[in-house]
Amino acid sequence: MDRKEILEGLIEVLKTIRTIDPAKLENVTEETDFLADMNAPSTELINIAVKVEQKFDVEFEDDDIDNLGSKVKDVIDLIILAKERG
């Protein structure tokens, strides 16, 4: 699974988050910021992480989530890391 496929799956997850305006998901890139660009509440990042775990069948460690940045690329990097750890 490459970064583009992960990004597409992540956008599917974000469409299920009620606090994110669907219009803000039109031009999402790895540099898109959940907080600044999507106006997602910081508390929503935990919900996003849980849904991402389910979607991609991965498990994040607590430290991963504690250190998670607010950009899309940070979540993609974390998914790849979790898959590598198996």
PDB file of N, CA and C in Angstrom:
ATOM      1  N   MET A   1       0.856  -1.181   0.000  1.00  0.00           N
ATOM      2  CA  MET A   1       0.000   0.000   0.000  1.00  0.00           C
ATOM      3  C   MET A   1       0.900   1.243   0.000  1.00  0.00           C
ATOM      4  N   ASP A   2       0.700   2.096  -0.995  1.00  0.00           N
ATOM      5  CA  ASP A   2       1.543   3.288  -1.073  1.00  0.00           C
ATOM      6  C   ASP A   2       0.869   4.488  -0.409  1.00  0.00           C
ATOM      7  N   ARG A   3       1.598   5.568  -0.348  1.00  0.00           N
ATOM      8  CA  ARG A   3       1.118   6.768   0.352  1.00  0.00           C
ATOM      9  C   ARG A   3      -0.169   7.311  -0.263  1.00  0.00           C
ATOM     10  N   LYS A   4      -0.282   7.210  -1.580  1.00  0.00           N
ATOM     11  CA  LYS A   4      -1.481   7.715  -2.256  1.00  0.00           C
ATOM     12  C   LYS A   4      -2.707   6.896  -1.846  1.00  0.00           C
ATOM     13  N   GLU A   5      -2.548   5.577  -1.789  1.00  0.00           N
ATOM     14  CA  GLU A   5      -3.660   4.714  -1.382  1.00  0.00           C
ATOM     15  C   GLU A   5      -4.047   4.987   0.075  1.00  0.00           C
ATOM     16  N   ILE A   6      -3.049   5.194   0.911  1.00  0.00           N
ATOM     17  CA  ILE A   6      -3.321   5.507   2.316  1.00  0.00           C
ATOM     18  C   ILE A   6      -4.062   6.838   2.411  1.00  0.00           C
ATOM     19  N   LEU A   7      -3.620   7.829   1.627  1.00  0.00           N
ATOM     20  CA  LEU A   7      -4.288   9.143   1.628  1.00  0.00           C
ATOM     21  C   LEU A   7      -5.753   8.989   1.225  1.00  0.00           C
ATOM     22  N   GLU A   8      -6.019   8.208   0.197  1.00  0.00           N
ATOM     23  CA  GLU A   8      -7.407   8.007  -0.248  1.00  0.00           C
ATOM     24  C   GLU A   8      -8.240   7.351   0.849  1.00  0.00           C
ATOM     25  N   GLY A   9      -7.669   6.357   1.523  1.00  0.00           N
ATOM     26  CA  GLY A   9      -8.374   5.705   2.624  1.00  0.00           C
ATOM     27  C   GLY A   9      -8.600   6.645   3.793  1.00  0.00           C
ATOM     28  N   LEU A  10      -7.618   7.487   4.041  1.00  0.00           N
ATOM     29  CA  LEU A  10      -7.729   8.462   5.130  1.00  0.00           C
ATOM     30  C   LEU A  10      -8.845   9.457   4.841  1.00  0.00           C
ATOM     31  N   ILE A  11      -8.961   9.886   3.601  1.00  0.00           N
ATOM     32  CA  ILE A  11     -10.040  10.813   3.235  1.00  0.00           C
ATOM     33  C   ILE A  11     -11.397  10.144   3.453  1.00  0.00           C
ATOM     34  N   GLU A  12     -11.493   8.842   3.132  1.00  0.00           N
ATOM     35  CA  GLU A  12     -12.746   8.113   3.402  1.00  0.00           C
ATOM     36  C   GLU A  12     -13.086   8.173   4.883  1.00  0.00           C
ATOM     37  N   VAL A  13     -12.077   7.982   5.726  1.00  0.00           N
ATOM     38  CA  VAL A  13     -12.289   8.054   7.177  1.00  0.00           C
ATOM     39  C   VAL A  13     -12.746   9.459   7.573  1.00  0.00           C
ATOM     40  N   LEU A  14     -12.088  10.468   7.026  1.00  0.00           N
ATOM     41  CA  LEU A  14     -12.408  11.850   7.396  1.00  0.00           C
ATOM     42  C   LEU A  14     -13.832  12.234   7.000  1.00  0.00           C
ATOM     43  N   LYS A  15     -14.351  11.606   5.967  1.00  0.00           N
ATOM     44  CA  LYS A  15     -15.738  11.890   5.548  1.00  0.00           C
ATOM     45  C   LYS A  15     -16.736  11.443   6.613  1.00  0.00           C
ATOM     46  N   THR A  16     -16.314  10.555   7.517  1.00  0.00           N
ATOM     47  CA  THR A  16     -17.216  10.064   8.565  1.00  0.00           C
ATOM     48  C   THR A  16     -17.126  10.906   9.845  1.00  0.00           C
ATOM     49  N   ILE A  17     -16.217  11.866   9.865  1.00  0.00           N
ATOM     50  CA  ILE A  17     -16.037  12.710  11.058  1.00  0.00           C
ATOM     51  C   ILE A  17     -16.962  13.915  10.950  1.00  0.00           C
ATOM     52  N   ARG A  18     -17.943  13.977  11.834  1.00  0.00           N
ATOM     53  CA  ARG A  18     -18.984  14.997  11.694  1.00  0.00           C
ATOM     54  C   ARG A  18     -18.490  16.424  11.917  1.00  0.00           C
ATOM     55  N   THR A  19     -17.368  16.590  12.605  1.00  0.00           N
ATOM     56  CA  THR A  19     -16.885  17.945  12.869  1.00  0.00           C
ATOM     57  C   THR A  19     -16.053  18.506  11.712  1.00  0.00           C
ATOM     58  N   ILE A  20     -15.824  17.695  10.668  1.00  0.00           N
ATOM     59  CA  ILE A  20     -15.051  18.164   9.525  1.00  0.00           C
ATOM     60  C   ILE A  20     -15.999  18.448   8.362  1.00  0.00           C
ATOM     61  N   ASP A  21     -15.942  19.659   7.851  1.00  0.00           N
ATOM     62  CA  ASP A  21     -16.763  20.077   6.723  1.00  0.00           C
ATOM     63  C   ASP A  21     -16.332  19.289   5.482  1.00  0.00           C
ATOM     64  N   PRO A  22     -17.251  18.546   4.853  1.00  0.00           N
ATOM     65  CA  PRO A  22     -16.893  17.761   3.666  1.00  0.00           C
ATOM     66  C   PRO A  22     -16.249  18.609   2.562  1.00  0.00           C
ATOM     67  N   ALA A  23     -16.594  19.877   2.479  1.00  0.00           N
ATOM     68  CA  ALA A  23     -16.010  20.752   1.452  1.00  0.00           C
ATOM     69  C   ALA A  23     -14.501  20.904   1.668  1.00  0.00           C
ATOM     70  N   LYS A  24     -14.057  20.750   2.901  1.00  0.00           N
ATOM     71  CA  LYS A  24     -12.624  20.892   3.201  1.00  0.00           C
ATOM     72  C   LYS A  24     -11.831  19.652   2.799  1.00  0.00           C
ATOM     73  N   LEU A  25     -12.520  18.628   2.339  1.00  0.00           N
ATOM     74  CA  LEU A  25     -11.851  17.379   1.948  1.00  0.00           C
ATOM     75  C   LEU A  25     -11.616  17.303   0.439  1.00  0.00           C
ATOM     76  N   GLU A  26     -11.957  18.378  -0.263  1.00  0.00           N
ATOM     77  CA  GLU A  26     -11.835  18.377  -1.726  1.00  0.00           C
ATOM     78  C   GLU A  26     -10.390  18.281  -2.209  1.00  0.00           C
ATOM     79  N   ASN A  27      -9.493  19.047  -1.613  1.00  0.00           N
ATOM     80  CA  ASN A  27      -8.118  19.115  -2.102  1.00  0.00           C
ATOM     81  C   ASN A  27      -7.102  18.753  -1.022  1.00  0.00           C
ATOM     82  N   VAL A  28      -7.358  17.676  -0.318  1.00  0.00           N
ATOM     83  CA  VAL A  28      -6.473  17.262   0.769  1.00  0.00           C
ATOM     84  C   VAL A  28      -5.150  16.745   0.194  1.00  0.00           C
ATOM     85  N   THR A  29      -4.043  17.226   0.774  1.00  0.00           N
ATOM     86  CA  THR A  29      -2.716  16.726   0.421  1.00  0.00           C
ATOM     87  C   THR A  29      -2.034  16.292   1.721  1.00  0.00           C
ATOM     88  N   GLU A  30      -0.815  15.795   1.604  1.00  0.00           N
ATOM     89  CA  GLU A  30      -0.088  15.392   2.808  1.00  0.00           C
ATOM     90  C   GLU A  30       0.222  16.595   3.691  1.00  0.00           C
ATOM     91  N   GLU A  31       0.245  17.790   3.115  1.00  0.00           N
ATOM     92  CA  GLU A  31       0.551  18.999   3.891  1.00  0.00           C
ATOM     93  C   GLU A  31      -0.679  19.617   4.546  1.00  0.00           C
ATOM     94  N   THR A  32      -1.858  19.078   4.257  1.00  0.00           N
ATOM     95  CA  THR A  32      -3.087  19.595   4.863  1.00  0.00           C
ATOM     96  C   THR A  32      -3.017  19.390   6.374  1.00  0.00           C
ATOM     97  N   ASP A  33      -3.395  20.421   7.108  1.00  0.00           N
ATOM     98  CA  ASP A  33      -3.376  20.383   8.567  1.00  0.00           C
ATOM     99  C   ASP A  33      -4.803  20.195   9.091  1.00  0.00           C
ATOM    100  N   PHE A  34      -4.984  19.184   9.940  1.00  0.00           N
ATOM    101  CA  PHE A  34      -6.317  18.906  10.471  1.00  0.00           C
ATOM    102  C   PHE A  34      -6.885  20.103  11.235  1.00  0.00           C
ATOM    103  N   LEU A  35      -6.031  20.752  12.009  1.00  0.00           N
ATOM    104  CA  LEU A  35      -6.499  21.841  12.868  1.00  0.00           C
ATOM    105  C   LEU A  35      -6.662  23.141  12.088  1.00  0.00           C
ATOM    106  N   ALA A  36      -5.636  23.523  11.334  1.00  0.00           N
ATOM    107  CA  ALA A  36      -5.660  24.812  10.641  1.00  0.00           C
ATOM    108  C   ALA A  36      -6.505  24.780   9.373  1.00  0.00           C
ATOM    109  N   ASP A  37      -6.372  23.718   8.577  1.00  0.00           N
ATOM    110  CA  ASP A  37      -7.043  23.688   7.281  1.00  0.00           C
ATOM    111  C   ASP A  37      -8.451  23.092   7.325  1.00  0.00           C
ATOM    112  N   MET A  38      -8.668  22.142   8.224  1.00  0.00           N
ATOM    113  CA  MET A  38      -9.983  21.497   8.307  1.00  0.00           C
ATOM    114  C   MET A  38     -10.808  21.989   9.484  1.00  0.00           C
ATOM    115  N   ASN A  39     -10.198  22.820  10.316  1.00  0.00           N
ATOM    116  CA  ASN A  39     -10.867  23.335  11.515  1.00  0.00           C
ATOM    117  C   ASN A  39     -11.375  22.224  12.430  1.00  0.00           C
ATOM    118  N   ALA A  40     -10.663  21.102  12.442  1.00  0.00           N
ATOM    119  CA  ALA A  40     -11.049  20.005  13.333  1.00  0.00           C
ATOM    120  C   ALA A  40     -10.598  20.337  14.755  1.00  0.00           C
ATOM    121  N   PRO A  41     -11.439  20.070  15.746  1.00  0.00           N
ATOM    122  CA  PRO A  41     -11.002  20.278  17.132  1.00  0.00           C
ATOM    123  C   PRO A  41      -9.847  19.326  17.441  1.00  0.00           C
ATOM    124  N   SER A  42      -8.908  19.770  18.254  1.00  0.00           N
ATOM    125  CA  SER A  42      -7.749  18.921  18.566  1.00  0.00           C
ATOM    126  C   SER A  42      -8.180  17.605  19.202  1.00  0.00           C
ATOM    127  N   THR A  43      -9.275  17.623  19.932  1.00  0.00           N
ATOM    128  CA  THR A  43      -9.766  16.396  20.563  1.00  0.00           C
ATOM    129  C   THR A  43     -10.232  15.386  19.513  1.00  0.00           C
ATOM    130  N   GLU A  44     -10.546  15.857  18.329  1.00  0.00           N
ATOM    131  CA  GLU A  44     -11.023  14.976  17.261  1.00  0.00           C
ATOM    132  C   GLU A  44      -9.904  14.097  16.709  1.00  0.00           C
ATOM    133  N   LEU A  45      -8.641  14.500  16.931  1.00  0.00           N
ATOM    134  CA  LEU A  45      -7.522  13.707  16.423  1.00  0.00           C
ATOM    135  C   LEU A  45      -7.516  12.298  17.007  1.00  0.00           C
ATOM    136  N   ILE A  46      -7.962  12.155  18.250  1.00  0.00           N
ATOM    137  CA  ILE A  46      -8.033  10.828  18.875  1.00  0.00           C
ATOM    138  C   ILE A  46      -9.075   9.979  18.151  1.00  0.00           C
ATOM    139  N   ASN A  47     -10.222  10.572  17.878  1.00  0.00           N
ATOM    140  CA  ASN A  47     -11.287   9.874  17.158  1.00  0.00           C
ATOM    141  C   ASN A  47     -10.808   9.462  15.765  1.00  0.00           C
ATOM    142  N   ILE A  48     -10.103  10.357  15.091  1.00  0.00           N
ATOM    143  CA  ILE A  48      -9.553  10.053  13.772  1.00  0.00           C
ATOM    144  C   ILE A  48      -8.580   8.876  13.880  1.00  0.00           C
ATOM    145  N   ALA A  49      -7.713   8.911  14.889  1.00  0.00           N
ATOM    146  CA  ALA A  49      -6.728   7.836  15.075  1.00  0.00           C
ATOM    147  C   ALA A  49      -7.414   6.490  15.270  1.00  0.00           C
ATOM    148  N   VAL A  50      -8.481   6.457  16.060  1.00  0.00           N
ATOM    149  CA  VAL A  50      -9.207   5.206  16.322  1.00  0.00           C
ATOM    150  C   VAL A  50      -9.829   4.688  15.027  1.00  0.00           C
ATOM    151  N   LYS A  51     -10.450   5.569  14.269  1.00  0.00           N
ATOM    152  CA  LYS A  51     -11.077   5.156  13.004  1.00  0.00           C
ATOM    153  C   LYS A  51     -10.030   4.697  11.992  1.00  0.00           C
ATOM    154  N   VAL A  52      -8.873   5.341  11.995  1.00  0.00           N
ATOM    155  CA  VAL A  52      -7.790   4.950  11.092  1.00  0.00           C
ATOM    156  C   VAL A  52      -7.282   3.555  11.453  1.00  0.00           C
ATOM    157  N   GLU A  53      -7.157   3.290  12.755  1.00  0.00           N
ATOM    158  CA  GLU A  53      -6.731   1.953  13.190  1.00  0.00           C
ATOM    159  C   GLU A  53      -7.674   0.883  12.640  1.00  0.00           C
ATOM    160  N   GLN A  54      -8.968   1.152  12.723  1.00  0.00           N
ATOM    161  CA  GLN A  54      -9.962   0.190  12.250  1.00  0.00           C
ATOM    162  C   GLN A  54      -9.894   0.037  10.729  1.00  0.00           C
ATOM    163  N   LYS A  55      -9.816   1.150  10.041  1.00  0.00           N
ATOM    164  CA  LYS A  55      -9.818   1.137   8.565  1.00  0.00           C
ATOM    165  C   LYS A  55      -8.603   0.392   8.007  1.00  0.00           C
ATOM    166  N   PHE A  56      -7.424   0.652   8.584  1.00  0.00           N
ATOM    167  CA  PHE A  56      -6.189   0.094   8.047  1.00  0.00           C
ATOM    168  C   PHE A  56      -5.702  -1.153   8.794  1.00  0.00           C
ATOM    169  N   ASP A  57      -6.512  -1.603   9.762  1.00  0.00           N
ATOM    170  CA  ASP A  57      -6.175  -2.796  10.537  1.00  0.00           C
ATOM    171  C   ASP A  57      -4.766  -2.692  11.141  1.00  0.00           C
ATOM    172  N   VAL A  58      -4.534  -1.583  11.820  1.00  0.00           N
ATOM    173  CA  VAL A  58      -3.265  -1.354  12.516  1.00  0.00           C
ATOM    174  C   VAL A  58      -3.570  -0.967  13.956  1.00  0.00           C
ATOM    175  N   GLU A  59      -2.536  -1.005  14.780  1.00  0.00           N
ATOM    176  CA  GLU A  59      -2.696  -0.570  16.169  1.00  0.00           C
ATOM    177  C   GLU A  59      -1.586   0.414  16.502  1.00  0.00           C
ATOM    178  N   PHE A  60      -1.995   1.584  16.956  1.00  0.00           N
ATOM    179  CA  PHE A  60      -1.018   2.606  17.328  1.00  0.00           C
ATOM    180  C   PHE A  60      -0.687   2.448  18.807  1.00  0.00           C
ATOM    181  N   GLU A  61       0.550   2.763  19.154  1.00  0.00           N
ATOM    182  CA  GLU A  61       0.941   2.777  20.560  1.00  0.00           C
ATOM    183  C   GLU A  61       0.574   4.139  21.143  1.00  0.00           C
ATOM    184  N   ASP A  62       0.414   4.184  22.449  1.00  0.00           N
ATOM    185  CA  ASP A  62       0.042   5.444  23.103  1.00  0.00           C
ATOM    186  C   ASP A  62       1.027   6.560  22.771  1.00  0.00           C
ATOM    187  N   ASP A  63       2.320   6.228  22.752  1.00  0.00           N
ATOM    188  CA  ASP A  63       3.334   7.242  22.442  1.00  0.00           C
ATOM    189  C   ASP A  63       3.163   7.780  21.025  1.00  0.00           C
ATOM    190  N   ASP A  64       2.742   6.896  20.103  1.00  0.00           N
ATOM    191  CA  ASP A  64       2.514   7.332  18.723  1.00  0.00           C
ATOM    192  C   ASP A  64       1.461   8.429  18.692  1.00  0.00           C
ATOM    193  N   ILE A  65       0.387   8.196  19.394  1.00  0.00           N
ATOM    194  CA  ILE A  65      -0.722   9.157  19.392  1.00  0.00           C
ATOM    195  C   ILE A  65      -0.337  10.418  20.156  1.00  0.00           C
ATOM    196  N   ASP A  66       0.385  10.265  21.249  1.00  0.00           N
ATOM    197  CA  ASP A  66       0.826  11.430  22.021  1.00  0.00           C
ATOM    198  C   ASP A  66       1.708  12.352  21.180  1.00  0.00           C
ATOM    199  N   ASN A  67       2.516  11.760  20.293  1.00  0.00           N
ATOM    200  CA  ASN A  67       3.464  12.538  19.494  1.00  0.00           C
ATOM    201  C   ASN A  67       2.948  12.860  18.094  1.00  0.00           C
ATOM    202  N   LEU A  68       1.694  12.548  17.837  1.00  0.00           N
ATOM    203  CA  LEU A  68       1.127  12.744  16.511  1.00  0.00           C
ATOM    204  C   LEU A  68       1.040  14.225  16.164  1.00  0.00           C
ATOM    205  N   GLY A  69       1.547  14.573  14.996  1.00  0.00           N
ATOM    206  CA  GLY A  69       1.427  15.944  14.518  1.00  0.00           C
ATOM    207  C   GLY A  69       0.028  16.175  13.981  1.00  0.00           C
ATOM    208  N   SER A  70      -0.230  17.366  13.489  1.00  0.00           N
ATOM    209  CA  SER A  70      -1.585  17.684  13.039  1.00  0.00           C
ATOM    210  C   SER A  70      -1.726  17.712  11.521  1.00  0.00           C
ATOM    211  N   LYS A  71      -0.714  17.217  10.817  1.00  0.00           N
ATOM    212  CA  LYS A  71      -0.810  17.195   9.352  1.00  0.00           C
ATOM    213  C   LYS A  71      -1.156  15.794   8.854  1.00  0.00           C
ATOM    214  N   VAL A  72      -1.753  15.756   7.684  1.00  0.00           N
ATOM    215  CA  VAL A  72      -2.138  14.484   7.075  1.00  0.00           C
ATOM    216  C   VAL A  72      -0.924  13.563   6.940  1.00  0.00           C
ATOM    217  N   LYS A  73       0.228  14.127   6.557  1.00  0.00           N
ATOM    218  CA  LYS A  73       1.421  13.289   6.384  1.00  0.00           C
ATOM    219  C   LYS A  73       1.832  12.610   7.685  1.00  0.00           C
ATOM    220  N   ASP A  74       1.559  13.233   8.823  1.00  0.00           N
ATOM    221  CA  ASP A  74       1.900  12.636  10.113  1.00  0.00           C
ATOM    222  C   ASP A  74       1.100  11.345  10.339  1.00  0.00           C
ATOM    223  N   VAL A  75      -0.168  11.374   9.948  1.00  0.00           N
ATOM    224  CA  VAL A  75      -1.007  10.181  10.105  1.00  0.00           C
ATOM    225  C   VAL A  75      -0.566   9.103   9.116  1.00  0.00           C
ATOM    226  N   ILE A  76      -0.250   9.496   7.885  1.00  0.00           N
ATOM    227  CA  ILE A  76       0.226   8.526   6.889  1.00  0.00           C
ATOM    228  C   ILE A  76       1.517   7.866   7.371  1.00  0.00           C
ATOM    229  N   ASP A  77       2.451   8.678   7.876  1.00  0.00           N
ATOM    230  CA  ASP A  77       3.704   8.127   8.412  1.00  0.00           C
ATOM    231  C   ASP A  77       3.425   7.131   9.536  1.00  0.00           C
ATOM    232  N   LEU A  78       2.464   7.464  10.385  1.00  0.00           N
ATOM    233  CA  LEU A  78       2.135   6.603  11.517  1.00  0.00           C
ATOM    234  C   LEU A  78       1.523   5.282  11.049  1.00  0.00           C
ATOM    235  N   ILE A  79       0.670   5.326  10.033  1.00  0.00           N
ATOM    236  CA  ILE A  79       0.079   4.105   9.485  1.00  0.00           C
ATOM    237  C   ILE A  79       1.189   3.208   8.928  1.00  0.00           C
ATOM    238  N   ILE A  80       2.106   3.794   8.187  1.00  0.00           N
ATOM    239  CA  ILE A  80       3.218   3.020   7.608  1.00  0.00           C
ATOM    240  C   ILE A  80       4.073   2.410   8.717  1.00  0.00           C
ATOM    241  N   LEU A  81       4.374   3.194   9.741  1.00  0.00           N
ATOM    242  CA  LEU A  81       5.163   2.706  10.873  1.00  0.00           C
ATOM    243  C   LEU A  81       4.460   1.531  11.553  1.00  0.00           C
ATOM    244  N   ALA A  82       3.175   1.677  11.794  1.00  0.00           N
ATOM    245  CA  ALA A  82       2.410   0.624  12.476  1.00  0.00           C
ATOM    246  C   ALA A  82       2.362  -0.647  11.626  1.00  0.00           C
ATOM    247  N   LYS A  83       2.236  -0.487  10.322  1.00  0.00           N
ATOM    248  CA  LYS A  83       2.222  -1.665   9.431  1.00  0.00           C
ATOM    249  C   LYS A  83       3.585  -2.355   9.428  1.00  0.00           C
ATOM    250  N   GLU A  84       4.666  -1.567   9.456  1.00  0.00           N
ATOM    251  CA  GLU A  84       6.008  -2.150   9.482  1.00  0.00           C
ATOM    252  C   GLU A  84       6.258  -2.923  10.772  1.00  0.00           C
ATOM    253  N   ARG A  85       5.712  -2.408  11.875  1.00  0.00           N
ATOM    254  CA  ARG A  85       5.870  -3.093  13.170  1.00  0.00           C
ATOM    255  C   ARG A  85       5.067  -4.378  13.195  1.00  0.00           C
ATOM    256  N   GLY A  86       4.015  -4.386  12.359  1.00  0.00           N
ATOM    257  CA  GLY A  86       3.165  -5.578  12.249  1.00  0.00           C
ATOM    258  C   GLY A  86       2.403  -5.846  13.489  1.00  0.00           C
TER     259      GLY A  86
END
